Amino acid sequence: MCKLSARQRARRTSELQDLIRIAITPAAFEAIAATLPLGSVGFEPELSAKGQRLIWLEAAVLERLRAMRRPGESYSDVILRLAQLEATTSAPRP
């Protein structure tokens, strides 16, 4: 195990405090993972008891997701809707 300096511990604590954990469906996780560089999404290795993936997001990202939610939508619904929108707008046209 590596010993961290006081400054490194403080920075790591600060980084963790800025992250918020949410649960999303495996399909929503795959939609995120397909669009981002490997290692850029923080997540728990095990699925939750409900079969969801627990991911870590910056508070600002979560606020944007919250702002995009429609009545009755979950975060997973928003992610899948945005992924579908991206797929249809970036698809080559005949």
C-alpha atoms as a PDB file:
ATOM      1  CA  MET A   1       0.000   0.000   0.000  1.00  0.00           C
ATOM      2  CA  CYS A   2       1.160   3.486  -0.836  1.00  0.00           C
ATOM      3  CA  LYS A   3       1.307   6.150   1.860  1.00  0.00           C
ATOM      4  CA  LEU A   4      -0.288   9.454   0.924  1.00  0.00           C
ATOM      5  CA  SER A   5       0.958  12.805   2.075  1.00  0.00           C
ATOM      6  CA  ALA A   6      -1.385  15.111   3.966  1.00  0.00           C
ATOM      7  CA  ARG A   7      -1.827  17.186   0.802  1.00  0.00           C
ATOM      8  CA  GLN A   8      -2.668  14.080  -1.274  1.00  0.00           C
ATOM      9  CA  ARG A   9      -5.171  12.890   1.357  1.00  0.00           C
ATOM     10  CA  ALA A  10      -6.837  16.311   1.420  1.00  0.00           C
ATOM     11  CA  ARG A  11      -7.076  16.420  -2.390  1.00  0.00           C
ATOM     12  CA  ARG A  12      -8.512  12.891  -2.565  1.00  0.00           C
ATOM     13  CA  THR A  13     -11.060  13.717   0.151  1.00  0.00           C
ATOM     14  CA  SER A  14     -12.048  16.867  -1.698  1.00  0.00           C
ATOM     15  CA  GLU A  15     -12.443  14.952  -4.967  1.00  0.00           C
ATOM     16  CA  LEU A  16     -14.635  12.330  -3.318  1.00  0.00           C
ATOM     17  CA  GLN A  17     -16.817  14.966  -1.672  1.00  0.00           C
ATOM     18  CA  ASP A  18     -17.508  16.472  -5.093  1.00  0.00           C
ATOM     19  CA  LEU A  19     -18.823  13.148  -6.427  1.00  0.00           C
ATOM     20  CA  ILE A  20     -22.327  11.810  -5.943  1.00  0.00           C
ATOM     21  CA  ARG A  21     -23.285   8.160  -6.336  1.00  0.00           C
ATOM     22  CA  ILE A  22     -26.449   7.278  -8.252  1.00  0.00           C
ATOM     23  CA  ALA A  23     -27.965   4.007  -9.469  1.00  0.00           C
ATOM     24  CA  ILE A  24     -28.743   3.532 -13.155  1.00  0.00           C
ATOM     25  CA  THR A  25     -29.831   0.590 -15.271  1.00  0.00           C
ATOM     26  CA  PRO A  26     -27.241  -1.560 -17.016  1.00  0.00           C
ATOM     27  CA  ALA A  27     -28.546  -0.256 -20.380  1.00  0.00           C
ATOM     28  CA  ALA A  28     -27.975   3.354 -19.292  1.00  0.00           C
ATOM     29  CA  PHE A  29     -24.493   2.438 -18.056  1.00  0.00           C
ATOM     30  CA  GLU A  30     -23.672   0.845 -21.423  1.00  0.00           C
ATOM     31  CA  ALA A  31     -24.905   3.981 -23.199  1.00  0.00           C
ATOM     32  CA  ILE A  32     -22.533   6.098 -21.093  1.00  0.00           C
ATOM     33  CA  ALA A  33     -19.614   3.695 -21.383  1.00  0.00           C
ATOM     34  CA  ALA A  34     -19.977   3.549 -25.178  1.00  0.00           C
ATOM     35  CA  THR A  35     -19.467   7.296 -25.534  1.00  0.00           C
ATOM     36  CA  LEU A  36     -16.698   8.044 -23.040  1.00  0.00           C
ATOM     37  CA  PRO A  37     -13.028   7.121 -22.899  1.00  0.00           C
ATOM     38  CA  LEU A  38     -12.137   3.979 -20.963  1.00  0.00           C
ATOM     39  CA  GLY A  39     -11.758   4.742 -17.263  1.00  0.00           C
ATOM     40  CA  SER A  40     -13.611   8.050 -17.332  1.00  0.00           C
ATOM     41  CA  VAL A  41     -16.730   6.759 -15.572  1.00  0.00           C
ATOM     42  CA  GLY A  42     -16.413   5.913 -11.882  1.00  0.00           C
ATOM     43  CA  PHE A  43     -18.563   2.938 -10.908  1.00  0.00           C
ATOM     44  CA  GLU A  44     -18.924   0.213  -8.325  1.00  0.00           C
ATOM     45  CA  PRO A  45     -17.787  -3.228  -9.535  1.00  0.00           C
ATOM     46  CA  GLU A  46     -20.892  -5.001  -8.210  1.00  0.00           C
ATOM     47  CA  LEU A  47     -24.501  -4.416  -9.252  1.00  0.00           C
ATOM     48  CA  SER A  48     -26.912  -3.185  -6.579  1.00  0.00           C
ATOM     49  CA  ALA A  49     -29.533  -5.479  -5.051  1.00  0.00           C
ATOM     50  CA  LYS A  50     -31.953  -4.142  -7.690  1.00  0.00           C
ATOM     51  CA  GLY A  51     -29.570  -5.046 -10.508  1.00  0.00           C
ATOM     52  CA  GLN A  52     -28.519  -1.465 -11.122  1.00  0.00           C
ATOM     53  CA  ARG A  53     -25.047  -0.076 -11.670  1.00  0.00           C
ATOM     54  CA  LEU A  54     -23.838   2.422  -9.074  1.00  0.00           C
ATOM     55  CA  ILE A  55     -21.887   5.243 -10.716  1.00  0.00           C
ATOM     56  CA  TRP A  56     -20.126   8.329  -9.381  1.00  0.00           C
ATOM     57  CA  LEU A  57     -20.821  11.686 -11.013  1.00  0.00           C
ATOM     58  CA  GLU A  58     -19.636  15.202 -10.384  1.00  0.00           C
ATOM     59  CA  ALA A  59     -22.341  17.335  -8.784  1.00  0.00           C
ATOM     60  CA  ALA A  60     -22.465  19.586 -11.864  1.00  0.00           C
ATOM     61  CA  VAL A  61     -23.138  16.610 -14.151  1.00  0.00           C
ATOM     62  CA  LEU A  62     -25.878  15.364 -11.858  1.00  0.00           C
ATOM     63  CA  GLU A  63     -27.442  18.832 -11.847  1.00  0.00           C
ATOM     64  CA  ARG A  64     -27.508  18.826 -15.664  1.00  0.00           C
ATOM     65  CA  LEU A  65     -29.162  15.401 -15.669  1.00  0.00           C
ATOM     66  CA  ARG A  66     -31.680  16.599 -13.093  1.00  0.00           C
ATOM     67  CA  ALA A  67     -32.471  19.657 -15.242  1.00  0.00           C
ATOM     68  CA  MET A  68     -33.084  17.439 -18.287  1.00  0.00           C
ATOM     69  CA  ARG A  69     -35.422  15.049 -16.485  1.00  0.00           C
ATOM     70  CA  ARG A  70     -38.997  15.052 -17.639  1.00  0.00           C
ATOM     71  CA  PRO A  71     -41.851  14.260 -15.260  1.00  0.00           C
ATOM     72  CA  GLY A  72     -41.716  10.583 -14.306  1.00  0.00           C
ATOM     73  CA  GLU A  73     -38.264  10.005 -15.806  1.00  0.00           C
ATOM     74  CA  SER A  74     -35.403   8.389 -13.963  1.00  0.00           C
ATOM     75  CA  TYR A  75     -31.770   9.296 -14.520  1.00  0.00           C
ATOM     76  CA  SER A  76     -31.516   6.131 -16.624  1.00  0.00           C
ATOM     77  CA  ASP A  77     -34.395   7.323 -18.808  1.00  0.00           C
ATOM     78  CA  VAL A  78     -32.648  10.659 -19.387  1.00  0.00           C
ATOM     79  CA  ILE A  79     -29.354   8.973 -20.270  1.00  0.00           C
ATOM     80  CA  LEU A  80     -31.031   6.580 -22.707  1.00  0.00           C
ATOM     81  CA  ARG A  81     -33.066   9.398 -24.289  1.00  0.00           C
ATOM     82  CA  LEU A  82     -29.931  11.502 -24.787  1.00  0.00           C
ATOM     83  CA  ALA A  83     -28.009   8.518 -26.182  1.00  0.00           C
ATOM     84  CA  GLN A  84     -30.832   7.834 -28.653  1.00  0.00           C
ATOM     85  CA  LEU A  85     -30.944  11.488 -29.642  1.00  0.00           C
ATOM     86  CA  GLU A  86     -27.181  11.485 -30.195  1.00  0.00           C
ATOM     87  CA  ALA A  87     -27.404   8.317 -32.293  1.00  0.00           C
ATOM     88  CA  THR A  88     -30.137   9.711 -34.525  1.00  0.00           C
ATOM     89  CA  THR A  89     -28.532  13.129 -35.006  1.00  0.00           C
ATOM     90  CA  SER A  90     -25.039  11.765 -35.704  1.00  0.00           C
ATOM     91  CA  ALA A  91     -26.145   8.946 -38.045  1.00  0.00           C
ATOM     92  CA  PRO A  92     -25.140   9.444 -41.676  1.00  0.00           C
ATOM     93  CA  ARG A  93     -28.003  10.472 -43.904  1.00  0.00           C
ATOM     94  CA  PRO A  94     -28.607   8.774 -47.267  1.00  0.00           C
END
